[in-house]
C-alpha atoms as a PDB file:
ATOM      1  CA  UNK A   1      -2.364  18.654 -14.030  1.00  0.00           C
ATOM      2  CA  UNK A   2      -2.074  16.427 -10.965  1.00  0.00           C
ATOM      3  CA  UNK A   3      -1.152  12.886 -11.887  1.00  0.00           C
ATOM      4  CA  UNK A   4      -2.388  10.117  -9.665  1.00  0.00           C
ATOM      5  CA  UNK A   5      -2.300   6.351  -9.707  1.00  0.00           C
ATOM      6  CA  UNK A   6      -5.040   3.931  -8.786  1.00  0.00           C
ATOM      7  CA  UNK A   7      -4.332   0.732  -6.890  1.00  0.00           C
ATOM      8  CA  UNK A   8      -7.095  -1.834  -7.241  1.00  0.00           C
ATOM      9  CA  UNK A   9      -6.922  -4.872  -4.980  1.00  0.00           C
ATOM     10  CA  UNK A  10      -9.100  -7.702  -3.738  1.00  0.00           C
ATOM     11  CA  UNK A  11      -8.807 -10.808  -1.630  1.00  0.00           C
ATOM     12  CA  UNK A  12     -10.610 -14.106  -2.001  1.00  0.00           C
ATOM     13  CA  UNK A  13     -13.061 -15.473   0.518  1.00  0.00           C
ATOM     14  CA  UNK A  14     -11.720 -18.047   2.952  1.00  0.00           C
ATOM     15  CA  UNK A  15     -12.626 -19.423   6.358  1.00  0.00           C
ATOM     16  CA  UNK A  16     -10.838 -16.461   7.967  1.00  0.00           C
ATOM     17  CA  UNK A  17     -11.713 -13.605   5.592  1.00  0.00           C
ATOM     18  CA  UNK A  18     -14.713 -12.347   3.699  1.00  0.00           C
ATOM     19  CA  UNK A  19     -14.052 -11.194   0.159  1.00  0.00           C
ATOM     20  CA  UNK A  20     -13.076  -7.513   0.158  1.00  0.00           C
ATOM     21  CA  UNK A  21     -12.027  -5.104  -2.572  1.00  0.00           C
ATOM     22  CA  UNK A  22     -10.315  -1.722  -2.507  1.00  0.00           C
ATOM     23  CA  UNK A  23      -9.449   1.185  -4.770  1.00  0.00           C
ATOM     24  CA  UNK A  24      -6.811   3.565  -3.495  1.00  0.00           C
ATOM     25  CA  UNK A  25      -5.871   6.734  -5.366  1.00  0.00           C
ATOM     26  CA  UNK A  26      -2.259   7.825  -4.815  1.00  0.00           C
ATOM     27  CA  UNK A  27      -0.708  11.106  -5.851  1.00  0.00           C
ATOM     28  CA  UNK A  28       2.750  11.233  -7.377  1.00  0.00           C
ATOM     29  CA  UNK A  29       3.979  12.810  -4.120  1.00  0.00           C
ATOM     30  CA  UNK A  30       2.615   9.860  -2.160  1.00  0.00           C
ATOM     31  CA  UNK A  31       4.378   7.441  -4.522  1.00  0.00           C
ATOM     32  CA  UNK A  32       7.603   9.380  -4.048  1.00  0.00           C
ATOM     33  CA  UNK A  33       7.250   9.066  -0.261  1.00  0.00           C
ATOM     34  CA  UNK A  34       6.549   5.329  -0.629  1.00  0.00           C
ATOM     35  CA  UNK A  35       9.576   4.960  -2.910  1.00  0.00           C
ATOM     36  CA  UNK A  36      11.802   6.800  -0.432  1.00  0.00           C
ATOM     37  CA  UNK A  37      10.519   4.757   2.502  1.00  0.00           C
ATOM     38  CA  UNK A  38      10.933   1.401   0.758  1.00  0.00           C
ATOM     39  CA  UNK A  39      14.398   2.436  -0.492  1.00  0.00           C
ATOM     40  CA  UNK A  40      15.550   2.914   3.110  1.00  0.00           C
ATOM     41  CA  UNK A  41      14.067  -0.271   4.641  1.00  0.00           C
ATOM     42  CA  UNK A  42      16.303  -2.009   7.162  1.00  0.00           C
ATOM     43  CA  UNK A  43      15.037  -5.574   7.500  1.00  0.00           C
ATOM     44  CA  UNK A  44      16.951  -6.024  10.771  1.00  0.00           C
ATOM     45  CA  UNK A  45      15.033  -3.254  12.579  1.00  0.00           C
ATOM     46  CA  UNK A  46      11.522  -3.454  13.945  1.00  0.00           C
ATOM     47  CA  UNK A  47      10.113  -0.086  12.987  1.00  0.00           C
ATOM     48  CA  UNK A  48       7.102   1.735  11.637  1.00  0.00           C
ATOM     49  CA  UNK A  49       7.051   4.794   9.392  1.00  0.00           C
ATOM     50  CA  UNK A  50       3.739   6.598   8.972  1.00  0.00           C
ATOM     51  CA  UNK A  51       2.794   9.266   6.480  1.00  0.00           C
ATOM     52  CA  UNK A  52      -0.554  10.869   5.713  1.00  0.00           C
ATOM     53  CA  UNK A  53      -1.662   8.208   3.194  1.00  0.00           C
ATOM     54  CA  UNK A  54       0.253   5.082   4.175  1.00  0.00           C
ATOM     55  CA  UNK A  55       2.294   3.336   6.821  1.00  0.00           C
ATOM     56  CA  UNK A  56       5.159   0.866   6.427  1.00  0.00           C
ATOM     57  CA  UNK A  57       5.869  -1.556   9.242  1.00  0.00           C
ATOM     58  CA  UNK A  58       8.947  -3.773   9.501  1.00  0.00           C
ATOM     59  CA  UNK A  59       8.701  -6.639  11.954  1.00  0.00           C
ATOM     60  CA  UNK A  60      10.817  -9.795  12.090  1.00  0.00           C
ATOM     61  CA  UNK A  61      12.222  -9.128   8.627  1.00  0.00           C
ATOM     62  CA  UNK A  62       8.773  -8.730   7.017  1.00  0.00           C
ATOM     63  CA  UNK A  63       7.504  -5.503   5.491  1.00  0.00           C
ATOM     64  CA  UNK A  64       3.792  -4.682   5.577  1.00  0.00           C
ATOM     65  CA  UNK A  65       2.314  -1.662   3.789  1.00  0.00           C
ATOM     66  CA  UNK A  66      -0.942  -0.169   5.108  1.00  0.00           C
ATOM     67  CA  UNK A  67      -2.933   2.331   3.059  1.00  0.00           C
ATOM     68  CA  UNK A  68      -4.606   4.609   5.573  1.00  0.00           C
ATOM     69  CA  UNK A  69      -8.061   6.016   4.916  1.00  0.00           C
ATOM     70  CA  UNK A  70      -8.847   3.090   2.632  1.00  0.00           C
ATOM     71  CA  UNK A  71     -11.764   0.803   3.352  1.00  0.00           C
ATOM     72  CA  UNK A  72     -13.475  -2.157   1.794  1.00  0.00           C
ATOM     73  CA  UNK A  73     -15.757  -1.271  -1.128  1.00  0.00           C
ATOM     74  CA  UNK A  74     -17.878  -4.425  -0.897  1.00  0.00           C
ATOM     75  CA  UNK A  75     -21.050  -3.741   0.974  1.00  0.00           C
ATOM     76  CA  UNK A  76     -20.932  -6.592   3.426  1.00  0.00           C
ATOM     77  CA  UNK A  77     -21.035  -6.981   7.172  1.00  0.00           C
ATOM     78  CA  UNK A  78     -18.608  -8.529   9.579  1.00  0.00           C
ATOM     79  CA  UNK A  79     -19.725 -11.255  11.947  1.00  0.00           C
ATOM     80  CA  UNK A  80     -19.930  -9.435  15.276  1.00  0.00           C
ATOM     81  CA  UNK A  81     -23.105  -7.383  15.615  1.00  0.00           C
ATOM     82  CA  UNK A  82     -23.279  -7.060  11.789  1.00  0.00           C
ATOM     83  CA  UNK A  83     -20.940  -4.076  11.562  1.00  0.00           C
ATOM     84  CA  UNK A  84     -20.045  -2.810   8.103  1.00  0.00           C
ATOM     85  CA  UNK A  85     -16.632  -3.946   6.948  1.00  0.00           C
ATOM     86  CA  UNK A  86     -14.040  -1.192   7.316  1.00  0.00           C
ATOM     87  CA  UNK A  87     -10.917  -3.244   6.666  1.00  0.00           C
ATOM     88  CA  UNK A  88      -8.011  -1.145   5.332  1.00  0.00           C
ATOM     89  CA  UNK A  89      -5.892  -2.262   2.413  1.00  0.00           C
ATOM     90  CA  UNK A  90      -2.655  -3.807   3.647  1.00  0.00           C
ATOM     91  CA  UNK A  91      -0.252  -6.362   2.260  1.00  0.00           C
ATOM     92  CA  UNK A  92       3.140  -7.913   2.855  1.00  0.00           C
ATOM     93  CA  UNK A  93       5.778  -6.971   0.293  1.00  0.00           C
ATOM     94  CA  UNK A  94       8.904  -9.106  -0.098  1.00  0.00           C
ATOM     95  CA  UNK A  95      12.423  -7.836  -0.887  1.00  0.00           C
ATOM     96  CA  UNK A  96      12.195  -8.803  -4.575  1.00  0.00           C
ATOM     97  CA  UNK A  97       8.939  -6.852  -4.954  1.00  0.00           C
ATOM     98  CA  UNK A  98      10.469  -3.865  -3.163  1.00  0.00           C
ATOM     99  CA  UNK A  99      13.485  -3.936  -5.491  1.00  0.00           C
ATOM    100  CA  UNK A 100      11.222  -4.239  -8.533  1.00  0.00           C
ATOM    101  CA  UNK A 101       9.105  -1.253  -7.410  1.00  0.00           C
ATOM    102  CA  UNK A 102      12.197   0.870  -6.711  1.00  0.00           C
ATOM    103  CA  UNK A 103      13.767  -0.010 -10.063  1.00  0.00           C
ATOM    104  CA  UNK A 104      10.540   0.698 -11.984  1.00  0.00           C
ATOM    105  CA  UNK A 105      10.021   3.965 -10.129  1.00  0.00           C
ATOM    106  CA  UNK A 106      13.612   5.067 -10.759  1.00  0.00           C
ATOM    107  CA  UNK A 107      13.345   4.255 -14.471  1.00  0.00           C
ATOM    108  CA  UNK A 108       9.876   5.640 -15.187  1.00  0.00           C
ATOM    109  CA  UNK A 109       9.210   8.433 -12.717  1.00  0.00           C
ATOM    110  CA  UNK A 110      12.475  10.029 -11.672  1.00  0.00           C
ATOM    111  CA  UNK A 111      13.903  10.029 -15.216  1.00  0.00           C
ATOM    112  CA  UNK A 112      10.863  11.715 -16.751  1.00  0.00           C
ATOM    113  CA  UNK A 113      11.747  14.988 -18.427  1.00  0.00           C
ATOM    114  CA  UNK A 114       9.347  17.861 -17.819  1.00  0.00           C
ATOM    115  CA  UNK A 115       7.789  19.215 -20.979  1.00  0.00           C
ATOM    116  CA  UNK A 116       6.340  22.709 -21.197  1.00  0.00           C
END
């Protein structure tokens, strides 16, 4: 049995953005890679780490996570030449959120005992 996790996200409409929504399915291996990457973040470096499913970029002390191969689920067009929206899911994650994710992951995932 392959466990996976579903991230559901949306943003609100504003003057700069049209309302988008995403669903991203992540395998346990992908979550482990994300956990490892976020555990090793150095906020003083400007760097980018890219895996198959996601990328983590550190710039000026801010961490942004990009989920690759994700795209907006809302069927709307962008302004220029009425192209379909293909915006990827990305968000800024602050140090407290990183610590919370790492702690939760350590407690729930890495301490799970395999049962036959």
